[in-house]
Each structure stands twice: as C-alpha cells, then as structure tokens.
C-alpha cells in the first residue's frame, strides 16, 4: 500500500512538472530560415549607385549567399577618360546569423570578382526582418569591399537597402 501511494505521488508530481515546463515555453520570435531571394539598391565605392540580386540558402547555421550586381561608373573603368561604364560584379558570402527577437543580425566574409578583372574580398554586416511575419522582408547592410587588381588594392565601403522573399 505504501508503494502504491509513493507511485501515485510521483506520477502526480511528474505530471505537474511537465505541465509547468510546457506552460512556461514562449513561442519562438526567431525569423524562419529558408532559401531567400534578395533584391537591393544602394551604393558601391562610397557613393556610386548600384543594383544587386542575390540568392541565399541555409547551410547549417550559416546562410551562403551568391550575388550579382552592377554599379554605374561615371568615368571609364581604366581611369583614362571616355564613356561611363557599368561593371558587373559577382560574389559569394558566408553570413552568420544572430537572431534578436523579430530581426536577424548577420555578418560574414565573402569573395568575388568585378568583370573577371579584379578580386573582391568582402566583409558584410546587416539587419533583416519580415513584414507581418510573412515571406516578404526587408534588409539593410553595410559592406567593406577590398578591390585587388594589378598588384594594388583599396578597401571601399558600400550600403545596400532592399527587400527579400523567403521560400
């Protein structure tokens, strides 16, 4: 009889503990992750206007993002004069995520090229969120790009603002 009472008390206490632990779990406010399309406008090389299109996929805790974009140079690419140019750049970034409630902070390195003539080394930091917990979202990011060409290099900042769509 004593064994039966001990069993009933243990069952009651474990049921109460389970109910209490599930009642205290708050719903997750972390942004869902998935394949995402990013479209942006912004600046490259300090103030030159730029447009970009990217696709990212989650790989573990990192989002791998491939990007293509263009910027408008009001001078010839070789710096000698002549017509304006519109170089195309491509890059791949590894973005580490740091969820902060309804937004996600992210940062990471990347590598790319400008029209196949210059090597790009990127450092990106940004914030992104969603509109009304839907698939459509927004982002704002800052980039430092190291341009390496013909044995010389320069590091220049850029800023991107845009929208995302998560699948």
C-alpha atoms as a PDB file:
ATOM      1  CA  UNK A   1       0.000   0.000   0.000  1.00  0.00           C
ATOM      2  CA  UNK A   2       2.880   2.335   0.857  1.00  0.00           C
ATOM      3  CA  UNK A   3       4.450   1.566  -2.554  1.00  0.00           C
ATOM      4  CA  UNK A   4       1.178   2.436  -4.325  1.00  0.00           C
ATOM      5  CA  UNK A   5       0.978   5.820  -2.503  1.00  0.00           C
ATOM      6  CA  UNK A   6       4.578   6.620  -3.431  1.00  0.00           C
ATOM      7  CA  UNK A   7       3.884   5.731  -7.068  1.00  0.00           C
ATOM      8  CA  UNK A   8       0.756   7.949  -7.200  1.00  0.00           C
ATOM      9  CA  UNK A   9       2.561  10.894  -5.584  1.00  0.00           C
ATOM     10  CA  UNK A  10       5.480  10.535  -8.046  1.00  0.00           C
ATOM     11  CA  UNK A  11       3.106  10.327 -11.026  1.00  0.00           C
ATOM     12  CA  UNK A  12       1.186  13.401  -9.823  1.00  0.00           C
ATOM     13  CA  UNK A  13       4.370  15.435  -9.265  1.00  0.00           C
ATOM     14  CA  UNK A  14       5.888  14.470 -12.633  1.00  0.00           C
ATOM     15  CA  UNK A  15       2.625  15.387 -14.412  1.00  0.00           C
ATOM     16  CA  UNK A  16       2.549  18.762 -12.637  1.00  0.00           C
ATOM     17  CA  UNK A  17       6.200  19.397 -13.507  1.00  0.00           C
ATOM     18  CA  UNK A  18       5.576  18.539 -17.163  1.00  0.00           C
ATOM     19  CA  UNK A  19       2.555  20.843 -17.319  1.00  0.00           C
ATOM     20  CA  UNK A  20       4.534  23.647 -15.711  1.00  0.00           C
ATOM     21  CA  UNK A  21       7.521  23.302 -18.071  1.00  0.00           C
ATOM     22  CA  UNK A  22       5.332  23.341 -21.208  1.00  0.00           C
ATOM     23  CA  UNK A  23       3.295  26.285 -19.903  1.00  0.00           C
ATOM     24  CA  UNK A  24       6.428  28.443 -19.478  1.00  0.00           C
ATOM     25  CA  UNK A  25       7.760  27.916 -23.027  1.00  0.00           C
ATOM     26  CA  UNK A  26       7.334  31.103 -25.023  1.00  0.00           C
ATOM     27  CA  UNK A  27       6.671  30.990 -28.749  1.00  0.00           C
ATOM     28  CA  UNK A  28       9.786  31.487 -30.863  1.00  0.00           C
ATOM     29  CA  UNK A  29      10.240  35.003 -32.257  1.00  0.00           C
ATOM     30  CA  UNK A  30      13.242  33.926 -34.340  1.00  0.00           C
ATOM     31  CA  UNK A  31      12.897  34.518 -38.073  1.00  0.00           C
ATOM     32  CA  UNK A  32      12.341  31.325 -40.053  1.00  0.00           C
ATOM     33  CA  UNK A  33      15.164  30.384 -42.417  1.00  0.00           C
ATOM     34  CA  UNK A  34      14.945  29.080 -45.950  1.00  0.00           C
ATOM     35  CA  UNK A  35      16.091  29.802 -49.484  1.00  0.00           C
ATOM     36  CA  UNK A  36      15.775  33.559 -49.939  1.00  0.00           C
ATOM     37  CA  UNK A  37      15.932  35.985 -52.864  1.00  0.00           C
ATOM     38  CA  UNK A  38      17.446  39.390 -52.057  1.00  0.00           C
ATOM     39  CA  UNK A  39      16.986  42.480 -54.308  1.00  0.00           C
ATOM     40  CA  UNK A  40      18.821  45.669 -53.428  1.00  0.00           C
ATOM     41  CA  UNK A  41      19.740  49.148 -54.412  1.00  0.00           C
ATOM     42  CA  UNK A  42      22.431  51.166 -52.760  1.00  0.00           C
ATOM     43  CA  UNK A  43      25.941  52.424 -53.188  1.00  0.00           C
ATOM     44  CA  UNK A  44      29.281  50.907 -54.060  1.00  0.00           C
ATOM     45  CA  UNK A  45      32.693  52.570 -53.947  1.00  0.00           C
ATOM     46  CA  UNK A  46      31.430  55.140 -51.452  1.00  0.00           C
ATOM     47  CA  UNK A  47      28.682  56.931 -53.475  1.00  0.00           C
ATOM     48  CA  UNK A  48      28.274  55.233 -56.851  1.00  0.00           C
ATOM     49  CA  UNK A  49      24.732  53.900 -57.460  1.00  0.00           C
ATOM     50  CA  UNK A  50      24.356  50.118 -57.556  1.00  0.00           C
ATOM     51  CA  UNK A  51      21.734  47.397 -58.083  1.00  0.00           C
ATOM     52  CA  UNK A  52      22.006  43.781 -56.978  1.00  0.00           C
ATOM     53  CA  UNK A  53      20.273  40.406 -56.957  1.00  0.00           C
ATOM     54  CA  UNK A  54      21.197  37.568 -54.593  1.00  0.00           C
ATOM     55  CA  UNK A  55      20.025  34.113 -53.573  1.00  0.00           C
ATOM     56  CA  UNK A  56      20.874  32.573 -50.221  1.00  0.00           C
ATOM     57  CA  UNK A  57      20.420  29.071 -48.847  1.00  0.00           C
ATOM     58  CA  UNK A  58      20.916  27.965 -45.253  1.00  0.00           C
ATOM     59  CA  UNK A  59      23.789  25.548 -44.686  1.00  0.00           C
ATOM     60  CA  UNK A  60      23.843  24.667 -41.004  1.00  0.00           C
ATOM     61  CA  UNK A  61      23.912  27.909 -39.030  1.00  0.00           C
ATOM     62  CA  UNK A  62      25.304  29.905 -41.989  1.00  0.00           C
ATOM     63  CA  UNK A  63      23.470  31.379 -44.972  1.00  0.00           C
ATOM     64  CA  UNK A  64      25.515  31.025 -48.162  1.00  0.00           C
ATOM     65  CA  UNK A  65      24.584  33.895 -50.485  1.00  0.00           C
ATOM     66  CA  UNK A  66      25.534  34.240 -54.132  1.00  0.00           C
ATOM     67  CA  UNK A  67      25.185  37.740 -55.580  1.00  0.00           C
ATOM     68  CA  UNK A  68      25.433  39.541 -58.888  1.00  0.00           C
ATOM     69  CA  UNK A  69      25.233  43.270 -59.239  1.00  0.00           C
ATOM     70  CA  UNK A  70      26.271  46.297 -61.161  1.00  0.00           C
ATOM     71  CA  UNK A  71      27.354  49.828 -60.401  1.00  0.00           C
ATOM     72  CA  UNK A  72      27.440  52.939 -62.541  1.00  0.00           C
ATOM     73  CA  UNK A  73      30.882  54.464 -63.007  1.00  0.00           C
ATOM     74  CA  UNK A  74      30.610  57.986 -64.487  1.00  0.00           C
ATOM     75  CA  UNK A  75      34.117  57.573 -65.899  1.00  0.00           C
ATOM     76  CA  UNK A  76      35.926  54.915 -67.899  1.00  0.00           C
ATOM     77  CA  UNK A  77      36.935  51.851 -65.928  1.00  0.00           C
ATOM     78  CA  UNK A  78      40.598  52.294 -66.818  1.00  0.00           C
ATOM     79  CA  UNK A  79      40.570  55.876 -65.473  1.00  0.00           C
ATOM     80  CA  UNK A  80      41.852  57.366 -68.735  1.00  0.00           C
ATOM     81  CA  UNK A  81      38.581  59.039 -69.734  1.00  0.00           C
ATOM     82  CA  UNK A  82      35.951  58.162 -72.255  1.00  0.00           C
ATOM     83  CA  UNK A  83      32.414  56.890 -71.783  1.00  0.00           C
ATOM     84  CA  UNK A  84      30.937  55.807 -68.475  1.00  0.00           C
ATOM     85  CA  UNK A  85      30.999  52.108 -67.690  1.00  0.00           C
ATOM     86  CA  UNK A  86      28.758  49.651 -65.879  1.00  0.00           C
ATOM     87  CA  UNK A  87      30.930  46.854 -64.472  1.00  0.00           C
ATOM     88  CA  UNK A  88      29.309  43.648 -63.241  1.00  0.00           C
ATOM     89  CA  UNK A  89      30.433  42.039 -60.019  1.00  0.00           C
ATOM     90  CA  UNK A  90      29.710  38.601 -58.589  1.00  0.00           C
ATOM     91  CA  UNK A  91      30.396  37.332 -55.096  1.00  0.00           C
ATOM     92  CA  UNK A  92      29.683  34.589 -52.577  1.00  0.00           C
ATOM     93  CA  UNK A  93      29.197  35.449 -48.896  1.00  0.00           C
ATOM     94  CA  UNK A  94      29.005  33.257 -45.780  1.00  0.00           C
ATOM     95  CA  UNK A  95      26.569  35.062 -43.480  1.00  0.00           C
ATOM     96  CA  UNK A  96      26.472  34.105 -39.804  1.00  0.00           C
ATOM     97  CA  UNK A  97      23.092  34.755 -38.127  1.00  0.00           C
ATOM     98  CA  UNK A  98      22.475  36.356 -34.739  1.00  0.00           C
ATOM     99  CA  UNK A  99      18.678  36.355 -34.099  1.00  0.00           C
ATOM    100  CA  UNK A 100      17.470  39.248 -31.949  1.00  0.00           C
ATOM    101  CA  UNK A 101      13.729  38.809 -31.464  1.00  0.00           C
ATOM    102  CA  UNK A 102      11.834  39.964 -34.563  1.00  0.00           C
ATOM    103  CA  UNK A 103      15.007  40.837 -36.519  1.00  0.00           C
ATOM    104  CA  UNK A 104      18.120  38.951 -37.516  1.00  0.00           C
ATOM    105  CA  UNK A 105      21.578  40.482 -37.346  1.00  0.00           C
ATOM    106  CA  UNK A 106      24.060  38.897 -39.739  1.00  0.00           C
ATOM    107  CA  UNK A 107      27.701  39.289 -40.662  1.00  0.00           C
ATOM    108  CA  UNK A 108      30.323  37.436 -42.605  1.00  0.00           C
ATOM    109  CA  UNK A 109      33.118  37.311 -45.151  1.00  0.00           C
ATOM    110  CA  UNK A 110      32.909  36.863 -48.903  1.00  0.00           C
ATOM    111  CA  UNK A 111      34.902  36.658 -52.091  1.00  0.00           C
ATOM    112  CA  UNK A 112      34.117  37.694 -55.654  1.00  0.00           C
ATOM    113  CA  UNK A 113      35.203  39.435 -58.825  1.00  0.00           C
ATOM    114  CA  UNK A 114      34.495  42.591 -60.824  1.00  0.00           C
ATOM    115  CA  UNK A 115      34.022  41.732 -64.503  1.00  0.00           C
ATOM    116  CA  UNK A 116      36.632  38.993 -64.073  1.00  0.00           C
ATOM    117  CA  UNK A 117      39.359  41.631 -63.816  1.00  0.00           C
ATOM    118  CA  UNK A 118      39.582  42.357 -60.078  1.00  0.00           C
ATOM    119  CA  UNK A 119      39.370  40.180 -57.000  1.00  0.00           C
ATOM    120  CA  UNK A 120      36.863  41.233 -54.318  1.00  0.00           C
ATOM    121  CA  UNK A 121      37.230  40.467 -50.637  1.00  0.00           C
ATOM    122  CA  UNK A 122      34.012  41.352 -48.788  1.00  0.00           C
ATOM    123  CA  UNK A 123      33.001  41.939 -45.189  1.00  0.00           C
ATOM    124  CA  UNK A 124      29.246  42.318 -44.710  1.00  0.00           C
ATOM    125  CA  UNK A 125      27.155  43.274 -41.648  1.00  0.00           C
ATOM    126  CA  UNK A 126      23.421  43.859 -41.699  1.00  0.00           C
ATOM    127  CA  UNK A 127      19.979  43.514 -40.215  1.00  0.00           C
ATOM    128  CA  UNK A 128      16.902  41.938 -41.756  1.00  0.00           C
ATOM    129  CA  UNK A 129      13.291  41.441 -40.786  1.00  0.00           C
ATOM    130  CA  UNK A 130       9.927  40.461 -42.182  1.00  0.00           C
ATOM    131  CA  UNK A 131       6.754  42.348 -42.965  1.00  0.00           C
ATOM    132  CA  UNK A 132       3.930  40.978 -40.774  1.00  0.00           C
ATOM    133  CA  UNK A 133       5.595  37.574 -40.202  1.00  0.00           C
ATOM    134  CA  UNK A 134       5.226  36.778 -43.910  1.00  0.00           C
ATOM    135  CA  UNK A 135       7.607  35.651 -46.616  1.00  0.00           C
ATOM    136  CA  UNK A 136       8.344  39.211 -47.771  1.00  0.00           C
ATOM    137  CA  UNK A 137      11.006  41.021 -45.801  1.00  0.00           C
ATOM    138  CA  UNK A 138      13.495  43.877 -45.759  1.00  0.00           C
ATOM    139  CA  UNK A 139      17.207  44.303 -45.119  1.00  0.00           C
ATOM    140  CA  UNK A 140      19.862  46.942 -44.658  1.00  0.00           C
ATOM    141  CA  UNK A 141      23.553  46.150 -44.783  1.00  0.00           C
ATOM    142  CA  UNK A 142      26.961  47.738 -44.903  1.00  0.00           C
ATOM    143  CA  UNK A 143      29.830  46.274 -46.889  1.00  0.00           C
ATOM    144  CA  UNK A 144      33.539  46.788 -46.982  1.00  0.00           C
ATOM    145  CA  UNK A 145      34.980  45.561 -50.251  1.00  0.00           C
ATOM    146  CA  UNK A 146      38.651  45.127 -50.883  1.00  0.00           C
ATOM    147  CA  UNK A 147      39.370  45.536 -54.599  1.00  0.00           C
ATOM    148  CA  UNK A 148      42.597  43.797 -55.644  1.00  0.00           C
ATOM    149  CA  UNK A 149      43.810  44.438 -59.192  1.00  0.00           C
ATOM    150  CA  UNK A 150      47.210  44.678 -60.873  1.00  0.00           C
ATOM    151  CA  UNK A 151      49.109  44.191 -57.610  1.00  0.00           C
ATOM    152  CA  UNK A 152      47.396  47.070 -55.809  1.00  0.00           C
ATOM    153  CA  UNK A 153      44.371  47.133 -53.545  1.00  0.00           C
ATOM    154  CA  UNK A 154      41.889  49.519 -51.991  1.00  0.00           C
ATOM    155  CA  UNK A 155      39.128  48.987 -49.414  1.00  0.00           C
ATOM    156  CA  UNK A 156      35.917  50.936 -50.008  1.00  0.00           C
ATOM    157  CA  UNK A 157      32.528  50.946 -48.243  1.00  0.00           C
ATOM    158  CA  UNK A 158      29.050  50.470 -49.630  1.00  0.00           C
ATOM    159  CA  UNK A 159      25.486  50.399 -48.338  1.00  0.00           C
ATOM    160  CA  UNK A 160      22.607  48.215 -49.549  1.00  0.00           C
ATOM    161  CA  UNK A 161      18.895  48.563 -48.817  1.00  0.00           C
ATOM    162  CA  UNK A 162      16.412  46.097 -50.184  1.00  0.00           C
ATOM    163  CA  UNK A 163      13.685  43.509 -49.952  1.00  0.00           C
ATOM    164  CA  UNK A 164      13.787  39.746 -49.512  1.00  0.00           C
ATOM    165  CA  UNK A 165      11.443  36.907 -50.361  1.00  0.00           C
ATOM    166  CA  UNK A 166      11.790  33.637 -48.425  1.00  0.00           C
ATOM    167  CA  UNK A 167      10.614  30.361 -49.944  1.00  0.00           C
END
